[in-house]
Amino acid sequence: LLLLAAEVQGRGVGRAAYTQLEAELRTAGCCRIRIDVVDEDADNVKPFWCKLGFVETGRVQLSWGNKTSSAAVMHKQLC
């Protein structure tokens, strides 16, 4: 789960965090990353992940307590 406070959004913090994670995964030999992106609200972050090379491959319902959200299943090939 990656959430950034509104005051740091748009400053490259999310991209830097993801870049570090991807580097670690590549070092560990991972060839594919899957993320689920909740995209049903006005602050939809799916375009951010598309810019980083992720492609939507399906849909899923995610539940936390009493809340259920629709999310895009997204993948990125590393190898």
C-alpha atoms as a PDB file:
ATOM      1  CA  LEU A   1       0.000   0.000   0.000  1.00  0.00           C
ATOM      2  CA  LEU A   2       1.506   3.301  -1.082  1.00  0.00           C
ATOM      3  CA  LEU A   3      -0.162   6.480   0.131  1.00  0.00           C
ATOM      4  CA  LEU A   4       1.385   9.932   0.023  1.00  0.00           C
ATOM      5  CA  ALA A   5       0.261  12.969   1.999  1.00  0.00           C
ATOM      6  CA  ALA A   6      -1.277  15.624  -0.229  1.00  0.00           C
ATOM      7  CA  GLU A   7       1.463  18.117   0.606  1.00  0.00           C
ATOM      8  CA  VAL A   8       4.194  15.928  -0.955  1.00  0.00           C
ATOM      9  CA  GLN A   9       2.258  14.781  -4.006  1.00  0.00           C
ATOM     10  CA  GLY A  10       3.594  16.129  -7.287  1.00  0.00           C
ATOM     11  CA  ARG A  11       7.138  16.494  -5.941  1.00  0.00           C
ATOM     12  CA  GLY A  12       8.569  13.223  -7.254  1.00  0.00           C
ATOM     13  CA  VAL A  13       8.388  11.413  -3.905  1.00  0.00           C
ATOM     14  CA  GLY A  14       6.105   8.642  -5.218  1.00  0.00           C
ATOM     15  CA  ARG A  15       8.238   8.140  -8.324  1.00  0.00           C
ATOM     16  CA  ALA A  16      11.414   7.990  -6.217  1.00  0.00           C
ATOM     17  CA  ALA A  17       9.861   5.435  -3.837  1.00  0.00           C
ATOM     18  CA  TYR A  18       8.686   3.282  -6.736  1.00  0.00           C
ATOM     19  CA  THR A  19      12.036   3.541  -8.553  1.00  0.00           C
ATOM     20  CA  GLN A  20      13.807   2.251  -5.438  1.00  0.00           C
ATOM     21  CA  LEU A  21      11.309  -0.607  -5.056  1.00  0.00           C
ATOM     22  CA  GLU A  22      11.699  -1.613  -8.711  1.00  0.00           C
ATOM     23  CA  ALA A  23      15.494  -1.603  -8.394  1.00  0.00           C
ATOM     24  CA  GLU A  24      15.266  -3.884  -5.354  1.00  0.00           C
ATOM     25  CA  LEU A  25      12.883  -6.240  -7.160  1.00  0.00           C
ATOM     26  CA  ARG A  26      15.144  -6.407 -10.230  1.00  0.00           C
ATOM     27  CA  THR A  27      18.127  -7.198  -7.974  1.00  0.00           C
ATOM     28  CA  ALA A  28      16.091 -10.009  -6.408  1.00  0.00           C
ATOM     29  CA  GLY A  29      15.401 -11.445  -9.867  1.00  0.00           C
ATOM     30  CA  CYS A  30      11.752 -10.464 -10.213  1.00  0.00           C
ATOM     31  CA  CYS A  31      10.523 -10.254 -13.800  1.00  0.00           C
ATOM     32  CA  ARG A  32       6.962  -8.999 -13.312  1.00  0.00           C
ATOM     33  CA  ILE A  33       5.189  -6.684 -10.889  1.00  0.00           C
ATOM     34  CA  ARG A  34       1.454  -6.714 -10.158  1.00  0.00           C
ATOM     35  CA  ILE A  35      -0.290  -3.876  -8.375  1.00  0.00           C
ATOM     36  CA  ASP A  36      -3.946  -3.166  -7.643  1.00  0.00           C
ATOM     37  CA  VAL A  37      -4.910   0.487  -8.082  1.00  0.00           C
ATOM     38  CA  VAL A  38      -8.135   1.802  -6.556  1.00  0.00           C
ATOM     39  CA  ASP A  39      -9.397   4.093  -9.295  1.00  0.00           C
ATOM     40  CA  GLU A  40     -12.972   4.926  -8.424  1.00  0.00           C
ATOM     41  CA  ASP A  41     -12.510   8.382  -6.911  1.00  0.00           C
ATOM     42  CA  ALA A  42     -11.687  11.852  -8.219  1.00  0.00           C
ATOM     43  CA  ASP A  43      -8.027  11.539  -7.169  1.00  0.00           C
ATOM     44  CA  ASN A  44      -7.476   8.624  -9.559  1.00  0.00           C
ATOM     45  CA  VAL A  45      -3.768   7.727  -9.588  1.00  0.00           C
ATOM     46  CA  LYS A  46      -3.938   5.194 -12.427  1.00  0.00           C
ATOM     47  CA  PRO A  47      -2.325   7.663 -14.906  1.00  0.00           C
ATOM     48  CA  PHE A  48       0.702   7.867 -12.559  1.00  0.00           C
ATOM     49  CA  TRP A  49       1.197   4.096 -12.762  1.00  0.00           C
ATOM     50  CA  CYS A  50       0.670   4.065 -16.539  1.00  0.00           C
ATOM     51  CA  LYS A  51       3.497   6.626 -16.879  1.00  0.00           C
ATOM     52  CA  LEU A  52       5.718   4.191 -14.977  1.00  0.00           C
ATOM     53  CA  GLY A  53       5.013   1.450 -17.517  1.00  0.00           C
ATOM     54  CA  PHE A  54       2.130  -0.447 -15.908  1.00  0.00           C
ATOM     55  CA  VAL A  55      -0.701  -1.808 -18.063  1.00  0.00           C
ATOM     56  CA  GLU A  56      -4.202  -2.621 -16.834  1.00  0.00           C
ATOM     57  CA  THR A  57      -4.913  -6.337 -17.236  1.00  0.00           C
ATOM     58  CA  GLY A  58      -8.179  -6.738 -15.331  1.00  0.00           C
ATOM     59  CA  ARG A  59     -10.393  -5.634 -12.472  1.00  0.00           C
ATOM     60  CA  VAL A  60     -10.770  -6.756  -8.863  1.00  0.00           C
ATOM     61  CA  GLN A  61     -12.862  -5.848  -5.819  1.00  0.00           C
ATOM     62  CA  LEU A  62     -10.816  -4.999  -2.701  1.00  0.00           C
ATOM     63  CA  SER A  63     -12.301  -5.002   0.808  1.00  0.00           C
ATOM     64  CA  TRP A  64     -11.042  -3.286   3.956  1.00  0.00           C
ATOM     65  CA  GLY A  65     -13.393  -3.706   6.874  1.00  0.00           C
ATOM     66  CA  ASN A  66     -16.838  -2.614   5.684  1.00  0.00           C
ATOM     67  CA  LYS A  67     -15.579  -0.799   2.554  1.00  0.00           C
ATOM     68  CA  THR A  68     -15.315  -2.437  -0.855  1.00  0.00           C
ATOM     69  CA  SER A  69     -13.565  -0.638  -3.708  1.00  0.00           C
ATOM     70  CA  SER A  70     -13.128  -1.362  -7.386  1.00  0.00           C
ATOM     71  CA  ALA A  71      -9.508  -1.523  -8.508  1.00  0.00           C
ATOM     72  CA  ALA A  72      -7.543  -1.958 -11.705  1.00  0.00           C
ATOM     73  CA  VAL A  73      -5.167  -4.933 -11.767  1.00  0.00           C
ATOM     74  CA  MET A  74      -1.968  -3.623 -13.370  1.00  0.00           C
ATOM     75  CA  HIS A  75       1.220  -5.400 -14.449  1.00  0.00           C
ATOM     76  CA  LYS A  76       4.699  -4.344 -15.539  1.00  0.00           C
ATOM     77  CA  GLN A  77       7.255  -6.640 -17.160  1.00  0.00           C
ATOM     78  CA  LEU A  78      10.813  -6.158 -15.916  1.00  0.00           C
ATOM     79  CA  CYS A  79      12.557  -8.880 -17.941  1.00  0.00           C
END
